[in-house]
Amino acid sequence: MVSSHPQKPARRRGSAAEEARFAIEQADADGVARKAMTLRMTLRDVSELKRDPKVAMADISYGPDGMRYLGVAVDQGGVTQSTLDRGDTSYVRGAAAAAPAAKPKATRKKAVKKVAAAEKVPAAEPVE
């Protein structure tokens, strides 16, 4: 079966560390500051990065603001594919996704007993 679409050359995916290093170096070459960058990584890729024997211990650091790889902040989880945010999007590091607006809870009105007109008794007047 012949396809009219040209096939993309097969690019072998490297380790998570290699892919992240490549993306960071590309952004550095484009003039993006490392403080503005955020690596948004899947939990699997973060685990792979931490365990990779090829990654020097000096490349990964931990602090009160979280994990950093090559000086770039790492956000773990919440994505289906690891990407480098260059700081030019509306993404805010560490911010939780906006929760949907809460709907007001529906309340039921209390049932009112209907009284037939014949059953209504006029109120008695006070006797003096």
N, C-alpha and C. Protein backbone atom coordinates (compact mmCIF):
# COMPACT_ATOMS: atom_id res chain seq x y z
N MET A 1 0.84 -1.17 0.00
CA MET A 1 0.00 0.00 0.00
C MET A 1 0.89 1.24 0.00
N VAL A 2 0.72 2.10 -0.96
CA VAL A 2 1.54 3.28 -1.10
C VAL A 2 0.79 4.48 -0.53
N SER A 3 1.46 5.22 0.31
CA SER A 3 0.85 6.39 0.93
C SER A 3 1.33 7.65 0.20
N SER A 4 0.43 8.59 0.02
CA SER A 4 0.79 9.83 -0.65
C SER A 4 1.47 10.82 0.31
N HIS A 5 1.36 10.54 1.61
CA HIS A 5 1.97 11.41 2.61
C HIS A 5 3.43 11.00 2.83
N PRO A 6 4.33 11.95 2.82
CA PRO A 6 5.72 11.60 3.10
C PRO A 6 5.86 11.19 4.56
N GLN A 7 6.63 10.15 4.81
CA GLN A 7 6.81 9.68 6.17
C GLN A 7 7.89 10.50 6.86
N LYS A 8 7.67 10.75 8.13
CA LYS A 8 8.68 11.45 8.91
C LYS A 8 9.83 10.48 9.17
N PRO A 9 11.04 10.98 9.19
CA PRO A 9 12.14 10.09 9.52
C PRO A 9 12.00 9.62 10.96
N ALA A 10 12.28 8.36 11.18
CA ALA A 10 12.15 7.81 12.52
C ALA A 10 13.23 8.40 13.41
N ARG A 11 12.81 9.08 14.46
CA ARG A 11 13.76 9.67 15.40
C ARG A 11 13.69 8.85 16.66
N ARG A 12 14.75 8.23 16.98
CA ARG A 12 14.78 7.39 18.17
C ARG A 12 14.75 8.29 19.40
N ARG A 13 13.81 8.05 20.27
CA ARG A 13 13.69 8.84 21.48
C ARG A 13 14.78 8.45 22.45
N GLY A 14 15.47 9.44 22.97
CA GLY A 14 16.51 9.19 23.96
C GLY A 14 15.89 9.06 25.33
N SER A 15 16.74 9.03 26.34
CA SER A 15 16.23 8.96 27.70
C SER A 15 15.57 10.29 28.05
N ALA A 16 14.84 10.31 29.14
CA ALA A 16 14.18 11.54 29.57
C ALA A 16 15.21 12.63 29.83
N ALA A 17 16.36 12.26 30.38
CA ALA A 17 17.42 13.23 30.66
C ALA A 17 17.96 13.82 29.37
N GLU A 18 18.19 12.98 28.36
CA GLU A 18 18.72 13.46 27.08
C GLU A 18 17.74 14.39 26.39
N GLU A 19 16.47 14.02 26.39
CA GLU A 19 15.43 14.85 25.76
C GLU A 19 15.33 16.20 26.46
N ALA A 20 15.33 16.19 27.80
CA ALA A 20 15.23 17.44 28.56
C ALA A 20 16.46 18.30 28.32
N ARG A 21 17.63 17.70 28.33
CA ARG A 21 18.88 18.45 28.10
C ARG A 21 18.86 19.09 26.72
N PHE A 22 18.40 18.35 25.71
CA PHE A 22 18.32 18.87 24.35
C PHE A 22 17.38 20.07 24.28
N ALA A 23 16.20 19.95 24.91
CA ALA A 23 15.20 21.03 24.89
C ALA A 23 15.74 22.27 25.61
N ILE A 24 16.43 22.06 26.73
CA ILE A 24 16.98 23.19 27.50
C ILE A 24 18.08 23.89 26.70
N GLU A 25 18.94 23.10 26.05
CA GLU A 25 20.01 23.70 25.24
C GLU A 25 19.44 24.49 24.06
N GLN A 26 18.37 23.98 23.45
CA GLN A 26 17.72 24.70 22.35
C GLN A 26 17.16 26.04 22.84
N ALA A 27 16.50 26.02 24.00
CA ALA A 27 15.93 27.24 24.56
C ALA A 27 17.04 28.22 24.95
N ASP A 28 18.14 27.69 25.50
CA ASP A 28 19.29 28.56 25.83
C ASP A 28 19.82 29.24 24.57
N ALA A 29 19.92 28.48 23.49
CA ALA A 29 20.42 29.03 22.22
C ALA A 29 19.47 30.10 21.68
N ASP A 30 18.18 29.97 22.00
CA ASP A 30 17.20 30.96 21.56
C ASP A 30 17.13 32.17 22.48
N GLY A 31 17.93 32.16 23.56
CA GLY A 31 18.00 33.31 24.45
C GLY A 31 17.01 33.31 25.60
N VAL A 32 16.44 32.16 25.93
CA VAL A 32 15.48 32.08 27.03
C VAL A 32 16.25 31.85 28.33
N ALA A 33 15.92 32.60 29.36
CA ALA A 33 16.57 32.46 30.67
C ALA A 33 16.09 31.17 31.35
N ARG A 34 17.01 30.49 32.01
CA ARG A 34 16.66 29.23 32.68
C ARG A 34 15.67 29.44 33.82
N LYS A 35 15.67 30.60 34.43
CA LYS A 35 14.72 30.87 35.52
C LYS A 35 13.29 30.95 34.99
N ALA A 36 13.14 31.30 33.72
CA ALA A 36 11.80 31.40 33.13
C ALA A 36 11.29 30.05 32.65
N MET A 37 12.18 29.09 32.46
CA MET A 37 11.79 27.77 31.93
C MET A 37 11.23 26.88 33.02
N THR A 38 10.34 25.97 32.60
CA THR A 38 9.81 24.94 33.48
C THR A 38 9.71 23.64 32.69
N LEU A 39 10.31 22.59 33.24
CA LEU A 39 10.17 21.27 32.64
C LEU A 39 8.91 20.65 33.21
N ARG A 40 7.93 20.43 32.37
CA ARG A 40 6.68 19.78 32.81
C ARG A 40 6.80 18.33 32.40
N MET A 41 7.06 17.46 33.37
CA MET A 41 7.38 16.07 33.07
C MET A 41 6.34 15.11 33.63
N THR A 42 6.18 13.99 32.91
CA THR A 42 5.32 12.92 33.41
C THR A 42 6.00 12.29 34.62
N LEU A 43 5.22 11.63 35.44
CA LEU A 43 5.80 10.98 36.62
C LEU A 43 6.82 9.92 36.21
N ARG A 44 6.54 9.23 35.12
CA ARG A 44 7.45 8.19 34.63
C ARG A 44 8.78 8.80 34.22
N ASP A 45 8.74 9.92 33.49
CA ASP A 45 9.97 10.56 33.05
C ASP A 45 10.77 11.12 34.23
N VAL A 46 10.10 11.65 35.23
CA VAL A 46 10.80 12.16 36.41
C VAL A 46 11.49 11.01 37.13
N SER A 47 10.79 9.89 37.25
CA SER A 47 11.38 8.73 37.90
C SER A 47 12.60 8.25 37.11
N GLU A 48 12.47 8.22 35.78
CA GLU A 48 13.58 7.80 34.93
C GLU A 48 14.76 8.76 35.06
N LEU A 49 14.48 10.06 35.12
CA LEU A 49 15.52 11.08 35.25
C LEU A 49 16.29 10.89 36.56
N LYS A 50 15.57 10.64 37.65
CA LYS A 50 16.21 10.47 38.95
C LYS A 50 17.09 9.23 39.01
N ARG A 51 16.71 8.19 38.27
CA ARG A 51 17.42 6.91 38.33
C ARG A 51 18.47 6.73 37.25
N ASP A 52 18.54 7.66 36.31
CA ASP A 52 19.45 7.51 35.17
C ASP A 52 20.91 7.57 35.65
N PRO A 53 21.69 6.50 35.43
CA PRO A 53 23.08 6.51 35.89
C PRO A 53 23.96 7.48 35.09
N LYS A 54 23.51 7.93 33.93
CA LYS A 54 24.29 8.85 33.11
C LYS A 54 24.17 10.30 33.58
N VAL A 55 23.19 10.58 34.43
CA VAL A 55 22.97 11.95 34.92
C VAL A 55 23.84 12.18 36.15
N ALA A 56 24.64 13.23 36.08
CA ALA A 56 25.51 13.57 37.22
C ALA A 56 24.65 14.08 38.38
N MET A 57 25.10 13.79 39.59
CA MET A 57 24.35 14.23 40.77
C MET A 57 24.27 15.75 40.84
N ALA A 58 25.25 16.44 40.27
CA ALA A 58 25.26 17.90 40.30
C ALA A 58 24.19 18.49 39.37
N ASP A 59 23.68 17.70 38.41
CA ASP A 59 22.68 18.19 37.46
C ASP A 59 21.29 18.30 38.08
N ILE A 60 21.03 17.51 39.12
CA ILE A 60 19.72 17.52 39.78
C ILE A 60 19.89 18.13 41.17
N SER A 61 19.04 19.08 41.50
CA SER A 61 19.09 19.68 42.84
C SER A 61 17.68 19.78 43.40
N TYR A 62 17.61 19.79 44.72
CA TYR A 62 16.33 19.89 45.42
C TYR A 62 16.40 21.08 46.37
N GLY A 63 15.32 21.81 46.46
CA GLY A 63 15.25 22.95 47.35
C GLY A 63 13.83 23.16 47.82
N PRO A 64 13.59 24.23 48.55
CA PRO A 64 12.23 24.48 49.04
C PRO A 64 11.23 24.71 47.92
N ASP A 65 11.73 25.15 46.76
CA ASP A 65 10.82 25.39 45.63
C ASP A 65 10.69 24.15 44.74
N GLY A 66 11.27 23.02 45.13
CA GLY A 66 11.10 21.78 44.38
C GLY A 66 12.37 21.33 43.68
N MET A 67 12.18 20.41 42.76
CA MET A 67 13.30 19.81 42.03
C MET A 67 13.72 20.69 40.86
N ARG A 68 15.02 20.70 40.58
CA ARG A 68 15.56 21.41 39.42
C ARG A 68 16.50 20.48 38.67
N TYR A 69 16.45 20.56 37.34
CA TYR A 69 17.37 19.80 36.49
C TYR A 69 18.10 20.80 35.61
N LEU A 70 19.40 20.84 35.74
CA LEU A 70 20.25 21.79 35.01
C LEU A 70 19.81 23.24 35.27
N GLY A 71 19.33 23.51 36.48
CA GLY A 71 18.92 24.86 36.84
C GLY A 71 17.52 25.23 36.41
N VAL A 72 16.78 24.28 35.83
CA VAL A 72 15.42 24.53 35.36
C VAL A 72 14.44 23.84 36.31
N ALA A 73 13.42 24.56 36.74
CA ALA A 73 12.41 23.99 37.64
C ALA A 73 11.68 22.85 36.96
N VAL A 74 11.37 21.80 37.75
CA VAL A 74 10.68 20.62 37.22
C VAL A 74 9.33 20.50 37.92
N ASP A 75 8.25 20.47 37.12
CA ASP A 75 6.91 20.18 37.64
C ASP A 75 6.61 18.74 37.33
N GLN A 76 6.24 17.98 38.35
CA GLN A 76 6.05 16.54 38.19
C GLN A 76 4.58 16.20 38.05
N GLY A 77 4.25 15.41 37.03
CA GLY A 77 2.89 14.92 36.84
C GLY A 77 1.95 15.96 36.26
N GLY A 78 0.73 15.52 35.97
CA GLY A 78 -0.28 16.41 35.43
C GLY A 78 -0.22 16.60 33.93
N VAL A 79 0.71 15.90 33.26
CA VAL A 79 0.83 15.99 31.80
C VAL A 79 0.94 14.58 31.24
N THR A 80 0.57 14.43 29.97
CA THR A 80 0.67 13.13 29.32
C THR A 80 1.94 12.98 28.52
N GLN A 81 2.62 14.11 28.27
CA GLN A 81 3.89 14.09 27.55
C GLN A 81 4.78 15.18 28.14
N SER A 82 6.02 14.83 28.38
CA SER A 82 6.96 15.80 28.97
C SER A 82 7.30 16.89 27.96
N THR A 83 7.26 18.13 28.43
CA THR A 83 7.57 19.28 27.56
C THR A 83 8.36 20.31 28.36
N LEU A 84 9.00 21.20 27.63
CA LEU A 84 9.68 22.33 28.25
C LEU A 84 8.85 23.58 28.00
N ASP A 85 8.41 24.21 29.08
CA ASP A 85 7.70 25.49 28.97
C ASP A 85 8.75 26.57 29.03
N ARG A 86 8.83 27.39 28.00
CA ARG A 86 9.88 28.40 27.90
C ARG A 86 9.53 29.70 28.62
N GLY A 87 8.38 29.75 29.29
CA GLY A 87 7.99 30.96 30.00
C GLY A 87 7.20 31.93 29.16
N ASP A 88 6.88 31.55 27.92
CA ASP A 88 6.15 32.44 27.03
C ASP A 88 4.68 32.06 26.91
N THR A 89 4.19 31.23 27.82
CA THR A 89 2.79 30.82 27.81
C THR A 89 2.11 31.30 29.08
N SER A 90 0.85 31.01 29.20
CA SER A 90 0.10 31.44 30.39
C SER A 90 0.30 30.48 31.56
N TYR A 91 1.14 29.45 31.37
CA TYR A 91 1.38 28.48 32.43
C TYR A 91 2.09 29.14 33.60
N VAL A 92 1.61 28.89 34.82
CA VAL A 92 2.22 29.43 36.02
C VAL A 92 2.73 28.26 36.84
N ARG A 93 4.03 28.26 37.08
CA ARG A 93 4.67 27.16 37.80
C ARG A 93 4.09 27.01 39.20
N GLY A 94 3.74 25.79 39.56
CA GLY A 94 3.26 25.50 40.90
C GLY A 94 1.80 25.83 41.13
N ALA A 95 1.14 26.45 40.18
CA ALA A 95 -0.27 26.80 40.36
C ALA A 95 -1.13 25.58 40.03
N ALA A 96 -2.11 25.34 40.85
CA ALA A 96 -3.03 24.23 40.59
C ALA A 96 -3.96 24.62 39.45
N ALA A 97 -4.40 23.62 38.73
CA ALA A 97 -5.34 23.88 37.64
C ALA A 97 -6.61 24.49 38.22
N ALA A 98 -7.20 25.42 37.49
CA ALA A 98 -8.40 26.10 37.97
C ALA A 98 -9.53 25.08 38.12
N ALA A 99 -10.11 25.05 39.28
CA ALA A 99 -11.21 24.14 39.54
C ALA A 99 -12.47 24.68 38.88
N PRO A 100 -13.33 23.80 38.40
CA PRO A 100 -14.57 24.29 37.81
C PRO A 100 -15.41 24.99 38.87
N ALA A 101 -16.18 25.96 38.43
CA ALA A 101 -17.02 26.73 39.35
C ALA A 101 -18.02 25.81 40.04
N ALA A 102 -18.15 25.98 41.33
CA ALA A 102 -19.05 25.14 42.10
C ALA A 102 -20.49 25.56 41.85
N LYS A 103 -21.32 24.57 41.61
CA LYS A 103 -22.74 24.86 41.40
C LYS A 103 -23.40 24.99 42.76
N PRO A 104 -24.35 25.90 42.89
CA PRO A 104 -25.04 25.99 44.18
C PRO A 104 -25.87 24.72 44.39
N LYS A 105 -25.88 24.28 45.62
CA LYS A 105 -26.60 23.05 45.93
C LYS A 105 -28.10 23.29 45.82
N ALA A 106 -28.75 22.39 45.11
CA ALA A 106 -30.19 22.51 44.94
C ALA A 106 -30.87 22.17 46.27
N THR A 107 -31.83 22.99 46.65
CA THR A 107 -32.57 22.72 47.89
C THR A 107 -34.02 22.50 47.52
N ARG A 108 -34.62 21.61 48.23
CA ARG A 108 -36.03 21.31 47.99
C ARG A 108 -36.89 22.19 48.87
N LYS A 109 -37.99 22.59 48.31
CA LYS A 109 -38.94 23.35 49.11
C LYS A 109 -39.72 22.37 49.96
N LYS A 110 -40.08 22.81 51.15
CA LYS A 110 -40.86 21.94 52.03
C LYS A 110 -42.28 21.85 51.51
N ALA A 111 -42.82 20.67 51.59
CA ALA A 111 -44.19 20.45 51.12
C ALA A 111 -45.17 21.15 52.06
N VAL A 112 -46.17 21.76 51.48
CA VAL A 112 -47.21 22.42 52.24
C VAL A 112 -48.48 21.60 52.07
N LYS A 113 -49.09 21.25 53.18
CA LYS A 113 -50.33 20.47 53.10
C LYS A 113 -51.44 21.35 52.59
N LYS A 114 -52.17 20.80 51.64
CA LYS A 114 -53.31 21.53 51.11
C LYS A 114 -54.53 21.21 51.97
N VAL A 115 -55.23 22.26 52.34
CA VAL A 115 -56.42 22.08 53.16
C VAL A 115 -57.62 22.48 52.32
N ALA A 116 -58.62 21.62 52.28
CA ALA A 116 -59.81 21.91 51.48
C ALA A 116 -60.55 23.10 52.08
N ALA A 117 -61.24 23.86 51.25
CA ALA A 117 -61.93 25.07 51.68
C ALA A 117 -63.00 24.74 52.72
N ALA A 118 -63.63 23.57 52.61
CA ALA A 118 -64.70 23.21 53.54
C ALA A 118 -64.14 22.92 54.92
N GLU A 119 -62.93 22.47 54.97
CA GLU A 119 -62.34 22.11 56.25
C GLU A 119 -61.82 23.32 57.01
N LYS A 120 -61.69 24.44 56.32
CA LYS A 120 -61.16 25.61 56.99
C LYS A 120 -62.17 26.13 58.01
N VAL A 121 -61.72 26.33 59.19
CA VAL A 121 -62.58 26.83 60.25
C VAL A 121 -62.14 28.26 60.54
N PRO A 122 -63.10 29.20 60.52
CA PRO A 122 -62.70 30.56 60.83
C PRO A 122 -62.15 30.66 62.24
N ALA A 123 -61.21 31.50 62.40
CA ALA A 123 -60.60 31.66 63.72
C ALA A 123 -61.62 32.25 64.68
N ALA A 124 -61.65 31.70 65.87
CA ALA A 124 -62.60 32.18 66.87
C ALA A 124 -62.12 33.51 67.43
N GLU A 125 -63.12 34.37 67.66
CA GLU A 125 -62.78 35.67 68.21
C GLU A 125 -62.63 35.52 69.73
N PRO A 126 -61.70 36.24 70.28
CA PRO A 126 -61.49 36.12 71.73
C PRO A 126 -62.73 36.63 72.49
N VAL A 127 -63.05 35.94 73.53
CA VAL A 127 -64.21 36.28 74.36
C VAL A 127 -63.73 37.13 75.53
N GLU A 128 -64.53 38.21 75.79
CA GLU A 128 -64.12 39.08 76.89
C GLU A 128 -64.95 38.89 78.08
